[in-house]
Amino acid sequence: MLGGLGVAVLSAAAWFGWMGWDTEYDVDPVTQVSSGPYEVWQVLGCGATLLLVLVGALLTGVRAAVACAAMTLAFTAAWTATAATSDGGGLFVVGGVLVLIGLATATTVVAVVTEQLRRRPAAR
């Protein structure tokens, strides 16, 4: 139970710490093309943090189903809370579903790979 709670708190913190604070789009002065609001380093940092949290939780005995669900639900909730405040058209719901599906898939793959590597016999 506490392991899942820790994963949830750290997952939401990863969103807010890496990306949740950045809402400003950048506009190229020459082409007037806007991009953002996130930079590559933010996305990579957030992804690496989530990977470390999940693998760490799995290696310390948190059940895969608990860790995956906690990460997916907490990160999606944090993302949705941020997106809902800046989207007047309701499109954040579609984004939230995509975040949920993507993170559920990714956490499942990471959990399966981690478990396979953990069970692999040591090289002699």
N, C-alpha and C. Protein backbone atom coordinates (compact mmCIF):
# COMPACT_ATOMS: atom_id res chain seq x y z
N MET A 1 0.82 -1.20 0.00
CA MET A 1 0.00 0.00 0.00
C MET A 1 0.87 1.26 0.00
N LEU A 2 1.82 1.32 0.91
CA LEU A 2 2.69 2.49 0.98
C LEU A 2 3.54 2.63 -0.27
N GLY A 3 3.95 1.50 -0.84
CA GLY A 3 4.74 1.55 -2.07
C GLY A 3 3.96 2.18 -3.20
N GLY A 4 2.70 1.80 -3.34
CA GLY A 4 1.85 2.39 -4.37
C GLY A 4 1.61 3.87 -4.13
N LEU A 5 1.44 4.25 -2.88
CA LEU A 5 1.25 5.66 -2.54
C LEU A 5 2.51 6.46 -2.88
N GLY A 6 3.67 5.89 -2.58
CA GLY A 6 4.92 6.56 -2.92
C GLY A 6 5.08 6.75 -4.42
N VAL A 7 4.73 5.72 -5.18
CA VAL A 7 4.80 5.81 -6.64
C VAL A 7 3.86 6.90 -7.14
N ALA A 8 2.66 6.96 -6.58
CA ALA A 8 1.67 7.97 -6.99
C ALA A 8 2.17 9.38 -6.71
N VAL A 9 2.68 9.60 -5.51
CA VAL A 9 3.16 10.93 -5.14
C VAL A 9 4.34 11.34 -6.02
N LEU A 10 5.28 10.45 -6.22
CA LEU A 10 6.45 10.77 -7.04
C LEU A 10 6.08 10.97 -8.51
N SER A 11 5.08 10.26 -8.99
CA SER A 11 4.64 10.41 -10.38
C SER A 11 3.99 11.77 -10.60
N ALA A 12 3.12 12.17 -9.70
CA ALA A 12 2.51 13.50 -9.80
C ALA A 12 3.57 14.58 -9.65
N ALA A 13 4.50 14.37 -8.74
CA ALA A 13 5.58 15.35 -8.55
C ALA A 13 6.45 15.46 -9.80
N ALA A 14 6.63 14.36 -10.51
CA ALA A 14 7.41 14.40 -11.76
C ALA A 14 6.72 15.30 -12.77
N TRP A 15 5.40 15.19 -12.88
CA TRP A 15 4.68 16.07 -13.80
C TRP A 15 4.85 17.54 -13.42
N PHE A 16 4.55 17.84 -12.17
CA PHE A 16 4.59 19.24 -11.74
C PHE A 16 6.02 19.79 -11.74
N GLY A 17 6.99 18.96 -11.36
CA GLY A 17 8.37 19.42 -11.29
C GLY A 17 9.02 19.64 -12.65
N TRP A 18 8.73 18.77 -13.59
CA TRP A 18 9.37 18.87 -14.90
C TRP A 18 8.57 19.69 -15.91
N MET A 19 7.25 19.52 -15.90
CA MET A 19 6.48 20.08 -17.01
C MET A 19 5.26 20.90 -16.61
N GLY A 20 4.67 20.63 -15.49
CA GLY A 20 3.41 21.26 -15.13
C GLY A 20 3.47 22.77 -14.96
N TRP A 21 4.63 23.29 -14.71
CA TRP A 21 4.78 24.73 -14.49
C TRP A 21 4.94 25.52 -15.79
N ASP A 22 5.25 24.85 -16.87
CA ASP A 22 5.58 25.54 -18.13
C ASP A 22 4.35 25.64 -19.02
N THR A 23 3.83 26.84 -19.18
CA THR A 23 2.65 27.04 -20.01
C THR A 23 2.89 28.03 -21.13
N GLU A 24 4.13 28.46 -21.28
CA GLU A 24 4.45 29.50 -22.26
C GLU A 24 4.93 28.89 -23.58
N TYR A 25 4.31 29.33 -24.66
CA TYR A 25 4.72 28.89 -25.99
C TYR A 25 5.80 29.83 -26.52
N ASP A 26 6.73 29.27 -27.30
CA ASP A 26 7.79 30.06 -27.91
C ASP A 26 7.41 30.36 -29.35
N VAL A 27 7.68 31.60 -29.79
CA VAL A 27 7.40 32.00 -31.16
C VAL A 27 8.71 32.38 -31.84
N ASP A 28 9.00 31.70 -32.94
CA ASP A 28 10.20 32.02 -33.72
C ASP A 28 10.03 33.41 -34.32
N PRO A 29 10.98 34.32 -34.06
CA PRO A 29 10.83 35.70 -34.55
C PRO A 29 10.88 35.81 -36.08
N VAL A 30 11.51 34.86 -36.74
CA VAL A 30 11.64 34.92 -38.20
C VAL A 30 10.42 34.31 -38.88
N THR A 31 10.05 33.10 -38.47
CA THR A 31 8.97 32.37 -39.15
C THR A 31 7.60 32.57 -38.50
N GLN A 32 7.59 33.08 -37.29
CA GLN A 32 6.36 33.26 -36.51
C GLN A 32 5.67 31.93 -36.17
N VAL A 33 6.42 30.83 -36.26
CA VAL A 33 5.89 29.52 -35.90
C VAL A 33 6.03 29.35 -34.38
N SER A 34 4.95 28.92 -33.75
CA SER A 34 5.01 28.72 -32.30
C SER A 34 5.28 27.25 -31.99
N SER A 35 5.94 27.02 -30.87
CA SER A 35 6.23 25.67 -30.42
C SER A 35 6.15 25.64 -28.90
N GLY A 36 6.03 24.44 -28.40
CA GLY A 36 6.01 24.31 -26.94
C GLY A 36 4.67 23.83 -26.45
N PRO A 37 4.42 23.96 -25.20
CA PRO A 37 5.19 24.73 -24.24
C PRO A 37 6.41 23.99 -23.69
N TYR A 38 6.55 22.71 -23.98
CA TYR A 38 7.62 21.94 -23.34
C TYR A 38 8.85 21.87 -24.23
N GLU A 39 10.00 21.87 -23.57
CA GLU A 39 11.28 21.70 -24.25
C GLU A 39 11.66 20.22 -24.19
N VAL A 40 12.56 19.82 -25.07
CA VAL A 40 12.99 18.42 -25.13
C VAL A 40 13.55 17.97 -23.78
N TRP A 41 14.36 18.82 -23.15
CA TRP A 41 14.99 18.44 -21.88
C TRP A 41 13.94 18.16 -20.80
N GLN A 42 12.81 18.86 -20.85
CA GLN A 42 11.76 18.63 -19.86
C GLN A 42 11.11 17.26 -20.06
N VAL A 43 10.82 16.93 -21.30
CA VAL A 43 10.18 15.65 -21.61
C VAL A 43 11.12 14.50 -21.27
N LEU A 44 12.38 14.63 -21.64
CA LEU A 44 13.36 13.58 -21.33
C LEU A 44 13.55 13.42 -19.83
N GLY A 45 13.64 14.53 -19.12
CA GLY A 45 13.80 14.48 -17.66
C GLY A 45 12.60 13.84 -16.98
N CYS A 46 11.42 14.20 -17.43
CA CYS A 46 10.20 13.63 -16.85
C CYS A 46 10.13 12.13 -17.14
N GLY A 47 10.41 11.75 -18.37
CA GLY A 47 10.40 10.33 -18.73
C GLY A 47 11.42 9.53 -17.94
N ALA A 48 12.62 10.07 -17.79
CA ALA A 48 13.66 9.38 -17.02
C ALA A 48 13.27 9.25 -15.56
N THR A 49 12.67 10.29 -15.02
CA THR A 49 12.21 10.25 -13.62
C THR A 49 11.15 9.18 -13.43
N LEU A 50 10.18 9.14 -14.33
CA LEU A 50 9.13 8.12 -14.23
C LEU A 50 9.72 6.72 -14.36
N LEU A 51 10.66 6.54 -15.26
CA LEU A 51 11.31 5.24 -15.44
C LEU A 51 12.04 4.82 -14.16
N LEU A 52 12.79 5.73 -13.57
CA LEU A 52 13.51 5.43 -12.32
C LEU A 52 12.55 5.10 -11.18
N VAL A 53 11.47 5.86 -11.07
CA VAL A 53 10.49 5.60 -10.02
C VAL A 53 9.87 4.22 -10.19
N LEU A 54 9.46 3.89 -11.40
CA LEU A 54 8.79 2.61 -11.64
C LEU A 54 9.74 1.44 -11.43
N VAL A 55 10.91 1.49 -12.04
CA VAL A 55 11.86 0.38 -11.89
C VAL A 55 12.30 0.25 -10.43
N GLY A 56 12.55 1.38 -9.78
CA GLY A 56 12.91 1.35 -8.36
C GLY A 56 11.83 0.71 -7.50
N ALA A 57 10.58 1.07 -7.77
CA ALA A 57 9.47 0.49 -7.02
C ALA A 57 9.38 -1.02 -7.25
N LEU A 58 9.51 -1.43 -8.49
CA LEU A 58 9.43 -2.86 -8.81
C LEU A 58 10.56 -3.64 -8.15
N LEU A 59 11.76 -3.08 -8.17
CA LEU A 59 12.91 -3.77 -7.59
C LEU A 59 12.88 -3.80 -6.06
N THR A 60 12.10 -2.91 -5.46
CA THR A 60 11.99 -2.91 -3.99
C THR A 60 10.75 -3.65 -3.51
N GLY A 61 10.06 -4.34 -4.43
CA GLY A 61 8.99 -5.23 -4.02
C GLY A 61 7.57 -4.73 -4.20
N VAL A 62 7.39 -3.55 -4.78
CA VAL A 62 6.02 -3.10 -5.05
C VAL A 62 5.48 -3.95 -6.20
N ARG A 63 4.28 -4.48 -6.03
CA ARG A 63 3.68 -5.32 -7.07
C ARG A 63 3.52 -4.52 -8.35
N ALA A 64 3.76 -5.17 -9.47
CA ALA A 64 3.72 -4.49 -10.76
C ALA A 64 2.36 -3.84 -11.03
N ALA A 65 1.29 -4.54 -10.75
CA ALA A 65 -0.04 -3.98 -11.01
C ALA A 65 -0.28 -2.73 -10.18
N VAL A 66 0.18 -2.74 -8.95
CA VAL A 66 0.01 -1.58 -8.06
C VAL A 66 0.86 -0.42 -8.54
N ALA A 67 2.12 -0.68 -8.84
CA ALA A 67 3.02 0.39 -9.28
C ALA A 67 2.57 1.00 -10.60
N CYS A 68 2.19 0.15 -11.55
CA CYS A 68 1.74 0.65 -12.86
C CYS A 68 0.47 1.47 -12.74
N ALA A 69 -0.49 0.97 -11.98
CA ALA A 69 -1.75 1.70 -11.80
C ALA A 69 -1.53 3.02 -11.07
N ALA A 70 -0.71 2.99 -10.03
CA ALA A 70 -0.46 4.21 -9.25
C ALA A 70 0.20 5.28 -10.11
N MET A 71 1.19 4.88 -10.90
CA MET A 71 1.88 5.84 -11.75
C MET A 71 0.94 6.39 -12.82
N THR A 72 0.24 5.50 -13.48
CA THR A 72 -0.65 5.91 -14.57
C THR A 72 -1.74 6.85 -14.08
N LEU A 73 -2.40 6.49 -13.01
CA LEU A 73 -3.52 7.30 -12.52
C LEU A 73 -3.06 8.63 -11.94
N ALA A 74 -1.97 8.62 -11.17
CA ALA A 74 -1.50 9.86 -10.54
C ALA A 74 -0.96 10.84 -11.57
N PHE A 75 -0.16 10.35 -12.51
CA PHE A 75 0.40 11.24 -13.54
C PHE A 75 -0.71 11.78 -14.42
N THR A 76 -1.66 10.93 -14.81
CA THR A 76 -2.77 11.38 -15.64
C THR A 76 -3.62 12.41 -14.90
N ALA A 77 -3.86 12.20 -13.63
CA ALA A 77 -4.64 13.17 -12.84
C ALA A 77 -3.91 14.51 -12.75
N ALA A 78 -2.60 14.47 -12.52
CA ALA A 78 -1.82 15.71 -12.45
C ALA A 78 -1.84 16.43 -13.79
N TRP A 79 -1.64 15.68 -14.87
CA TRP A 79 -1.67 16.28 -16.21
C TRP A 79 -3.04 16.89 -16.48
N THR A 80 -4.09 16.16 -16.17
CA THR A 80 -5.45 16.63 -16.45
C THR A 80 -5.78 17.87 -15.63
N ALA A 81 -5.36 17.91 -14.38
CA ALA A 81 -5.62 19.08 -13.54
C ALA A 81 -4.98 20.33 -14.14
N THR A 82 -3.78 20.18 -14.66
CA THR A 82 -3.09 21.32 -15.28
C THR A 82 -3.75 21.69 -16.60
N ALA A 83 -4.04 20.71 -17.43
CA ALA A 83 -4.61 20.97 -18.76
C ALA A 83 -6.01 21.56 -18.67
N ALA A 84 -6.79 21.12 -17.70
CA ALA A 84 -8.17 21.59 -17.58
C ALA A 84 -8.25 23.08 -17.28
N THR A 85 -7.24 23.61 -16.60
CA THR A 85 -7.27 25.03 -16.23
C THR A 85 -6.96 25.95 -17.40
N SER A 86 -6.36 25.41 -18.45
CA SER A 86 -5.98 26.27 -19.57
C SER A 86 -6.70 25.94 -20.87
N ASP A 87 -7.67 25.03 -20.81
CA ASP A 87 -8.38 24.62 -22.03
C ASP A 87 -9.86 24.92 -21.89
N GLY A 88 -10.31 25.92 -22.60
CA GLY A 88 -11.72 26.29 -22.53
C GLY A 88 -12.62 25.44 -23.40
N GLY A 89 -12.04 24.70 -24.34
CA GLY A 89 -12.84 23.93 -25.29
C GLY A 89 -13.11 22.50 -24.90
N GLY A 90 -12.49 22.02 -23.85
CA GLY A 90 -12.71 20.66 -23.40
C GLY A 90 -11.86 19.61 -24.08
N LEU A 91 -10.91 20.04 -24.92
CA LEU A 91 -10.06 19.09 -25.62
C LEU A 91 -9.10 18.37 -24.67
N PHE A 92 -8.93 18.90 -23.47
CA PHE A 92 -8.05 18.26 -22.50
C PHE A 92 -8.53 16.85 -22.16
N VAL A 93 -9.81 16.58 -22.33
CA VAL A 93 -10.34 15.24 -22.04
C VAL A 93 -9.73 14.23 -23.01
N VAL A 94 -9.63 14.59 -24.27
CA VAL A 94 -9.00 13.72 -25.27
C VAL A 94 -7.53 13.52 -24.92
N GLY A 95 -6.85 14.60 -24.58
CA GLY A 95 -5.46 14.50 -24.18
C GLY A 95 -5.28 13.62 -22.96
N GLY A 96 -6.18 13.76 -21.99
CA GLY A 96 -6.11 12.94 -20.79
C GLY A 96 -6.26 11.46 -21.08
N VAL A 97 -7.17 11.13 -21.99
CA VAL A 97 -7.35 9.72 -22.38
C VAL A 97 -6.08 9.21 -23.07
N LEU A 98 -5.49 10.03 -23.92
CA LEU A 98 -4.26 9.62 -24.61
C LEU A 98 -3.11 9.44 -23.63
N VAL A 99 -2.99 10.34 -22.65
CA VAL A 99 -1.95 10.20 -21.61
C VAL A 99 -2.19 8.90 -20.84
N LEU A 100 -3.43 8.65 -20.47
CA LEU A 100 -3.77 7.44 -19.72
C LEU A 100 -3.41 6.17 -20.50
N ILE A 101 -3.80 6.10 -21.75
CA ILE A 101 -3.51 4.92 -22.57
C ILE A 101 -2.01 4.77 -22.79
N GLY A 102 -1.35 5.86 -23.12
CA GLY A 102 0.09 5.80 -23.37
C GLY A 102 0.88 5.39 -22.14
N LEU A 103 0.53 5.96 -21.00
CA LEU A 103 1.26 5.63 -19.78
C LEU A 103 0.94 4.22 -19.30
N ALA A 104 -0.31 3.78 -19.45
CA ALA A 104 -0.66 2.41 -19.08
C ALA A 104 0.13 1.41 -19.92
N THR A 105 0.25 1.70 -21.20
CA THR A 105 1.01 0.82 -22.09
C THR A 105 2.49 0.83 -21.73
N ALA A 106 3.05 2.01 -21.55
CA ALA A 106 4.48 2.14 -21.24
C ALA A 106 4.83 1.49 -19.91
N THR A 107 4.02 1.70 -18.88
CA THR A 107 4.33 1.11 -17.58
C THR A 107 4.23 -0.41 -17.62
N THR A 108 3.29 -0.92 -18.39
CA THR A 108 3.17 -2.37 -18.53
C THR A 108 4.40 -2.96 -19.21
N VAL A 109 4.85 -2.32 -20.28
CA VAL A 109 6.05 -2.79 -20.99
C VAL A 109 7.26 -2.75 -20.07
N VAL A 110 7.44 -1.65 -19.35
CA VAL A 110 8.58 -1.53 -18.43
C VAL A 110 8.50 -2.59 -17.33
N ALA A 111 7.32 -2.84 -16.80
CA ALA A 111 7.17 -3.85 -15.75
C ALA A 111 7.50 -5.24 -16.27
N VAL A 112 7.05 -5.57 -17.46
CA VAL A 112 7.33 -6.89 -18.05
C VAL A 112 8.83 -7.05 -18.30
N VAL A 113 9.45 -6.04 -18.89
CA VAL A 113 10.89 -6.10 -19.18
C VAL A 113 11.69 -6.19 -17.88
N THR A 114 11.32 -5.40 -16.88
CA THR A 114 12.01 -5.43 -15.59
C THR A 114 11.91 -6.81 -14.96
N GLU A 115 10.73 -7.39 -15.00
CA GLU A 115 10.54 -8.72 -14.42
C GLU A 115 11.33 -9.78 -15.18
N GLN A 116 11.37 -9.69 -16.50
CA GLN A 116 12.14 -10.65 -17.29
C GLN A 116 13.64 -10.54 -16.99
N LEU A 117 14.14 -9.32 -16.90
CA LEU A 117 15.55 -9.12 -16.59
C LEU A 117 15.88 -9.58 -15.17
N ARG A 118 14.95 -9.40 -14.29
CA ARG A 118 15.16 -9.79 -12.89
C ARG A 118 15.22 -11.30 -12.75
N ARG A 119 14.45 -12.02 -13.54
CA ARG A 119 14.40 -13.48 -13.46
C ARG A 119 15.48 -14.16 -14.28
N ARG A 120 16.15 -13.41 -15.12
CA ARG A 120 17.18 -13.99 -15.97
C ARG A 120 18.34 -14.50 -15.11
N PRO A 121 18.83 -15.69 -15.41
CA PRO A 121 19.96 -16.21 -14.63
C PRO A 121 21.20 -15.33 -14.82
N ALA A 122 21.97 -15.22 -13.77
CA ALA A 122 23.19 -14.42 -13.82
C ALA A 122 24.21 -15.07 -14.75
N ALA A 123 24.96 -14.23 -15.46
CA ALA A 123 26.01 -14.73 -16.35
C ALA A 123 27.14 -15.31 -15.52
N ARG A 124 27.76 -16.36 -16.06
CA ARG A 124 28.86 -17.01 -15.31
C ARG A 124 30.18 -16.57 -15.81
